Amino acid sequence: MLWLKALHLIFMVTWFAGLFYLPRLYVYHAMSDDQISNERFKIMERKLFYGIMTPGMIITFIFGIWMLIDYAWAMYSSMGWLHAKLAVLALAVIYHYYCYRYLLDFKFDRNQRSHVFYRWFNEVPVLFLVLIIILAVVKPF
């Protein structure tokens, strides 16, 4: 069970590293005004999203579901902290989806948002991470 937790955390960190860094790339991409930089950011964003973030998310889910099964879902299904954690996790998946949408906007040169928007957008996963860690470790309810 400890190996499952360790692997779950390793890939969660991988996923969240991407959730932190991709919007930061969007900040710089939105500020770029030359074609060379524009193309370079497209490559970096694509590789981060498809090569690190999305595999990290999928493997995090695999180990998380495995732990839910091993812990016997029925035993934990009445614990509020787990339901809250899963709700925050659902929000993180929605955020991941929006990262994908913005990736496509940049890919097809149709971004309409400013670097300021992406600076604020970049702060959102911090809230998710703080909530998920507190819920999983402290189990406040």
Protein backbone atom coordinates (compact mmCIF):
# COMPACT_ATOMS: atom_id res chain seq x y z
CA MET A 1 0.00 0.00 0.00
CA LEU A 2 2.85 2.40 0.73
CA TRP A 3 4.23 1.81 -2.78
CA LEU A 4 0.85 2.76 -4.24
CA LYS A 5 0.79 5.97 -2.19
CA ALA A 6 4.35 6.81 -3.20
CA LEU A 7 3.65 6.25 -6.89
CA HIS A 8 0.37 8.16 -6.62
CA LEU A 9 2.20 11.12 -5.09
CA ILE A 10 5.08 11.00 -7.58
CA PHE A 11 2.73 11.23 -10.54
CA MET A 12 0.52 13.79 -8.80
CA VAL A 13 3.60 15.99 -8.41
CA THR A 14 4.38 15.44 -12.10
CA TRP A 15 0.85 16.40 -13.08
CA PHE A 16 0.80 19.48 -10.88
CA ALA A 17 4.24 20.58 -12.09
CA GLY A 18 2.65 20.77 -15.52
CA LEU A 19 -0.44 22.53 -14.18
CA PHE A 20 1.86 25.15 -12.66
CA TYR A 21 4.20 25.55 -15.62
CA LEU A 22 1.93 25.38 -18.67
CA PRO A 23 -0.06 28.52 -17.75
CA ARG A 24 3.27 30.26 -17.08
CA LEU A 25 4.27 29.39 -20.64
CA TYR A 26 0.96 30.88 -21.75
CA VAL A 27 1.90 34.13 -19.98
CA TYR A 28 5.13 34.36 -21.97
CA HIS A 29 3.49 33.14 -25.17
CA ALA A 30 0.79 35.82 -24.91
CA MET A 31 3.56 38.41 -24.56
CA SER A 32 5.59 37.15 -27.54
CA ASP A 33 5.33 39.07 -30.76
CA ASP A 34 7.71 37.31 -33.13
CA GLN A 35 7.15 34.12 -35.11
CA ILE A 36 10.23 32.29 -33.82
CA SER A 37 9.16 32.71 -30.18
CA ASN A 38 5.58 31.87 -31.08
CA GLU A 39 6.62 28.56 -32.68
CA ARG A 40 9.02 27.73 -29.84
CA PHE A 41 6.26 28.22 -27.25
CA LYS A 42 3.91 26.01 -29.27
CA ILE A 43 6.45 23.18 -29.17
CA MET A 44 7.13 23.62 -25.44
CA GLU A 45 3.43 23.75 -24.60
CA ARG A 46 2.64 20.69 -26.69
CA LYS A 47 5.44 18.61 -25.19
CA LEU A 48 4.55 19.63 -21.65
CA PHE A 49 0.84 18.93 -22.09
CA TYR A 50 1.07 15.64 -23.97
CA GLY A 51 4.38 14.33 -22.64
CA ILE A 52 4.23 15.22 -18.94
CA MET A 53 0.93 16.66 -17.73
CA THR A 54 -1.58 14.31 -19.29
CA PRO A 55 0.39 11.09 -18.62
CA GLY A 56 0.95 12.35 -15.06
CA MET A 57 -2.78 12.89 -14.61
CA ILE A 58 -3.70 9.50 -16.06
CA ILE A 59 -1.18 7.59 -13.94
CA THR A 60 -2.22 9.58 -10.85
CA PHE A 61 -5.78 8.44 -11.51
CA ILE A 62 -4.71 4.82 -11.99
CA PHE A 63 -2.91 4.66 -8.65
CA GLY A 64 -5.63 6.69 -6.93
CA ILE A 65 -8.36 4.32 -8.11
CA TRP A 66 -6.20 1.36 -7.17
CA MET A 67 -5.88 2.78 -3.64
CA LEU A 68 -9.62 3.38 -3.44
CA ILE A 69 -10.22 -0.25 -4.36
CA ASP A 70 -7.57 -1.52 -1.93
CA TYR A 71 -8.89 0.64 0.89
CA ALA A 72 -12.35 -0.77 0.27
CA TRP A 73 -14.45 2.08 -1.05
CA ALA A 74 -17.31 1.13 1.27
CA MET A 75 -15.15 1.86 4.31
CA TYR A 76 -14.20 5.33 3.07
CA SER A 77 -17.39 6.25 1.28
CA SER A 78 -18.81 7.80 4.44
CA MET A 79 -15.77 10.01 5.05
CA GLY A 80 -16.40 13.61 4.03
CA TRP A 81 -12.76 14.47 3.46
CA LEU A 82 -12.53 11.92 0.65
CA HIS A 83 -15.63 13.26 -1.07
CA ALA A 84 -14.27 16.80 -0.79
CA LYS A 85 -10.89 15.69 -2.15
CA LEU A 86 -12.55 13.99 -5.11
CA ALA A 87 -14.58 17.16 -5.76
CA VAL A 88 -11.42 19.29 -5.80
CA LEU A 89 -9.82 16.67 -8.02
CA ALA A 90 -12.74 17.04 -10.44
CA LEU A 91 -12.07 20.79 -10.51
CA ALA A 92 -8.40 20.09 -11.27
CA VAL A 93 -9.46 17.91 -14.20
CA ILE A 94 -11.66 20.73 -15.50
CA TYR A 95 -8.68 23.08 -15.14
CA HIS A 96 -6.58 20.56 -17.10
CA TYR A 97 -9.22 20.64 -19.82
CA TYR A 98 -9.07 24.45 -19.97
CA CYS A 99 -5.29 24.20 -20.29
CA TYR A 100 -5.96 22.02 -23.32
CA ARG A 101 -8.42 24.52 -24.78
CA TYR A 102 -5.91 27.35 -24.40
CA LEU A 103 -3.23 25.10 -25.90
CA LEU A 104 -5.39 24.77 -29.01
CA ASP A 105 -6.01 28.52 -29.08
CA PHE A 106 -2.28 29.16 -29.19
CA LYS A 107 -1.66 26.29 -31.60
CA PHE A 108 -4.07 27.74 -34.15
CA ASP A 109 -3.06 31.38 -33.45
CA ARG A 110 -6.46 32.35 -32.11
CA ASN A 111 -5.56 33.35 -28.55
CA GLN A 112 -7.62 36.36 -27.47
CA ARG A 113 -6.47 36.54 -23.85
CA SER A 114 -3.79 38.74 -22.37
CA HIS A 115 -0.76 37.73 -20.34
CA VAL A 116 -2.53 39.21 -17.30
CA PHE A 117 -5.37 36.70 -17.66
CA TYR A 118 -2.87 33.84 -17.78
CA ARG A 119 -1.05 35.21 -14.73
CA TRP A 120 -4.29 34.89 -12.75
CA PHE A 121 -5.15 31.57 -14.38
CA ASN A 122 -1.71 30.33 -13.27
CA GLU A 123 -2.64 30.79 -9.60
CA VAL A 124 -5.64 28.44 -9.62
CA PRO A 125 -3.79 25.09 -9.30
CA VAL A 126 -2.10 26.36 -6.13
CA LEU A 127 -5.51 26.43 -4.47
CA PHE A 128 -6.28 22.93 -5.70
CA LEU A 129 -2.98 21.57 -4.42
CA VAL A 130 -3.37 23.18 -0.98
CA LEU A 131 -6.91 21.85 -0.61
CA ILE A 132 -6.04 18.34 -1.81
CA ILE A 133 -3.05 18.06 0.53
CA ILE A 134 -4.95 19.37 3.55
CA LEU A 135 -7.90 17.08 2.87
CA ALA A 136 -5.71 13.99 2.35
CA VAL A 137 -3.33 14.59 5.25
CA VAL A 138 -5.39 16.40 7.91
CA LYS A 139 -8.73 14.75 7.04
CA PRO A 140 -10.66 17.59 8.72
CA PHE A 141 -14.05 15.86 8.44
